[in-house]
Amino acid sequence: MTAREIMTAKPATITPDTTIAEAWDLMRDLDIRHLPVVGDDGLVGMLSDRDLGSLDVPRLLTEDGAEALRLRLARPVVHLMSTDVVAAEPETDVSELVSLLLEQKVGAIVIVAPDTRQLVGIVSYIDVLRVLQEALEAE
């Protein structure tokens, strides 16, 4: 089984200029934990719920107040996203994806077209668990 068979094709994406607040709203509305960040030349980063958690909203509110939080949330995601993104190609075997998830300690892997940074999909640990569940049920 390959990444192509289990990935979410054409996942929701944002651009580097998307505000943190807009990205947060999109993640909440779509009930997702990862948003690939795509520029003109393809994939440039990933924003995760972990990145958003690093904002430490309670501390910001307590120490700096609501206006400081509003200003922080108005910043573009380029200031918060990860640029060292774990990527694989559509024909990557699922067992290799599992190894990447474990070794890199990430919750999702972006799937890019071979020899490019053009996003074609995303595989999260949830996708892998679904495959495992189906295999276990088939036994």
Protein backbone atom coordinates (compact mmCIF):
# COMPACT_ATOMS: atom_id res chain seq x y z
CA MET A 1 0.00 0.00 0.00
CA THR A 2 1.29 3.46 -0.87
CA ALA A 3 0.84 7.03 0.28
CA ARG A 4 -1.31 7.72 -2.78
CA GLU A 5 -3.83 5.13 -1.58
CA ILE A 6 -4.33 6.58 1.90
CA MET A 7 -3.54 10.29 1.56
CA THR A 8 -6.00 13.12 1.65
CA ALA A 9 -5.64 14.53 -1.85
CA LYS A 10 -5.78 18.29 -2.32
CA PRO A 11 -5.73 19.12 1.40
CA ALA A 12 -6.65 22.53 2.74
CA THR A 13 -3.66 24.85 2.50
CA ILE A 14 -2.66 28.36 3.49
CA THR A 15 -0.10 30.82 2.20
CA PRO A 16 2.79 32.33 4.17
CA ASP A 17 0.81 35.58 4.40
CA THR A 18 -2.24 33.99 6.01
CA THR A 19 -2.66 35.37 9.51
CA ILE A 20 -2.27 33.08 12.48
CA ALA A 21 -5.89 33.86 13.45
CA GLU A 22 -7.18 32.87 9.99
CA ALA A 23 -5.20 29.63 10.06
CA TRP A 24 -6.42 28.85 13.57
CA ASP A 25 -10.03 29.42 12.48
CA LEU A 26 -9.58 27.20 9.42
CA MET A 27 -8.07 24.39 11.47
CA ARG A 28 -10.92 24.62 13.97
CA ASP A 29 -13.61 24.78 11.27
CA LEU A 30 -12.19 21.78 9.36
CA ASP A 31 -11.25 19.89 12.55
CA ILE A 32 -7.68 19.34 11.35
CA ARG A 33 -4.32 19.57 13.09
CA HIS A 34 -1.98 20.35 10.19
CA LEU A 35 -2.03 22.95 7.42
CA PRO A 36 0.54 22.84 4.64
CA VAL A 37 1.84 26.30 3.78
CA VAL A 38 2.17 26.75 0.03
CA GLY A 39 3.87 29.56 -1.89
CA ASP A 40 4.28 30.21 -5.60
CA ASP A 41 6.94 27.50 -5.93
CA GLY A 42 5.16 24.87 -3.88
CA LEU A 43 5.43 23.73 -0.28
CA VAL A 44 7.25 26.16 2.03
CA GLY A 45 6.16 25.01 5.47
CA MET A 46 3.66 23.38 7.79
CA LEU A 47 1.55 24.86 10.55
CA SER A 48 0.42 22.43 13.22
CA ASP A 49 -1.64 22.58 16.36
CA ARG A 50 1.67 22.28 18.21
CA ASP A 51 2.86 25.50 16.58
CA LEU A 52 -0.34 27.22 17.67
CA GLY A 53 0.10 25.81 21.17
CA SER A 54 3.47 27.53 21.39
CA LEU A 55 1.66 30.88 21.44
CA ASP A 56 0.82 30.24 25.11
CA VAL A 57 -2.38 32.27 24.97
CA PRO A 58 -3.04 32.29 28.75
CA ARG A 59 0.43 33.71 29.46
CA LEU A 60 0.08 36.33 26.74
CA LEU A 61 -3.27 37.43 28.09
CA THR A 62 -2.07 37.51 31.67
CA GLU A 63 1.26 39.23 31.07
CA ASP A 64 0.61 41.38 28.02
CA GLY A 65 -3.17 41.69 27.70
CA ALA A 66 -5.74 41.16 24.98
CA GLU A 67 -4.28 43.73 22.60
CA ALA A 68 -0.92 41.95 22.58
CA LEU A 69 -2.71 38.69 21.80
CA ARG A 70 -4.66 40.36 18.96
CA LEU A 71 -1.41 41.68 17.50
CA ARG A 72 0.26 38.27 17.76
CA LEU A 73 -2.69 36.56 16.03
CA ALA A 74 -2.62 39.15 13.24
CA ARG A 75 0.95 38.16 12.30
CA PRO A 76 1.45 35.99 9.21
CA VAL A 77 1.97 32.25 9.76
CA VAL A 78 5.46 32.52 8.30
CA HIS A 79 6.51 33.65 11.80
CA LEU A 80 5.16 30.50 13.44
CA MET A 81 5.22 27.68 10.88
CA SER A 82 7.83 24.96 10.64
CA THR A 83 9.98 25.11 7.53
CA ASP A 84 11.69 21.76 8.05
CA VAL A 85 8.78 19.73 6.69
CA VAL A 86 8.80 15.94 6.46
CA ALA A 87 7.72 15.02 2.94
CA ALA A 88 7.32 11.87 0.89
CA GLU A 89 6.24 11.00 -2.64
CA PRO A 90 2.92 9.39 -3.65
CA GLU A 91 4.50 5.96 -4.26
CA THR A 92 6.13 5.81 -0.81
CA ASP A 93 5.14 2.62 0.99
CA VAL A 94 2.95 3.02 4.07
CA SER A 95 5.51 1.18 6.20
CA GLU A 96 8.04 3.88 5.30
CA LEU A 97 5.50 6.57 6.21
CA VAL A 98 5.03 4.94 9.62
CA SER A 99 8.81 4.95 10.11
CA LEU A 100 8.96 8.64 9.21
CA LEU A 101 6.11 9.51 11.59
CA LEU A 102 7.86 7.69 14.43
CA GLU A 103 11.44 8.80 13.71
CA GLN A 104 10.60 12.43 13.04
CA LYS A 105 7.96 12.60 15.80
CA VAL A 106 5.45 14.36 13.55
CA GLY A 107 1.71 13.90 13.20
CA ALA A 108 1.53 14.28 9.43
CA ILE A 109 3.63 13.93 6.31
CA VAL A 110 3.04 16.03 3.23
CA ILE A 111 2.98 14.19 -0.06
CA VAL A 112 4.71 16.02 -2.91
CA ALA A 113 5.06 15.28 -6.60
CA PRO A 114 8.35 13.49 -7.41
CA ASP A 115 11.37 15.80 -7.62
CA THR A 116 9.28 18.88 -6.80
CA ARG A 117 7.78 20.68 -3.84
CA GLN A 118 4.30 20.63 -5.41
CA LEU A 119 1.81 19.43 -2.82
CA VAL A 120 -0.47 16.57 -3.87
CA GLY A 121 -1.69 15.31 -0.50
CA ILE A 122 -1.14 14.73 3.18
CA VAL A 123 -0.99 11.60 5.34
CA SER A 124 -1.63 11.94 9.04
CA TYR A 125 -1.24 9.40 11.79
CA ILE A 126 -5.05 9.13 11.71
CA ASP A 127 -4.88 7.91 8.09
CA VAL A 128 -2.34 5.27 9.09
CA LEU A 129 -4.46 4.17 12.04
CA ARG A 130 -7.48 3.77 9.71
CA VAL A 131 -5.45 1.44 7.50
CA LEU A 132 -4.39 -0.55 10.56
CA GLN A 133 -7.96 -0.74 11.82
CA GLU A 134 -9.19 -2.02 8.44
CA ALA A 135 -6.43 -4.64 8.36
CA LEU A 136 -7.26 -5.81 11.88
CA GLU A 137 -10.97 -6.01 11.09
CA ALA A 138 -10.23 -8.05 7.98
CA GLU A 139 -8.46 -10.75 10.03
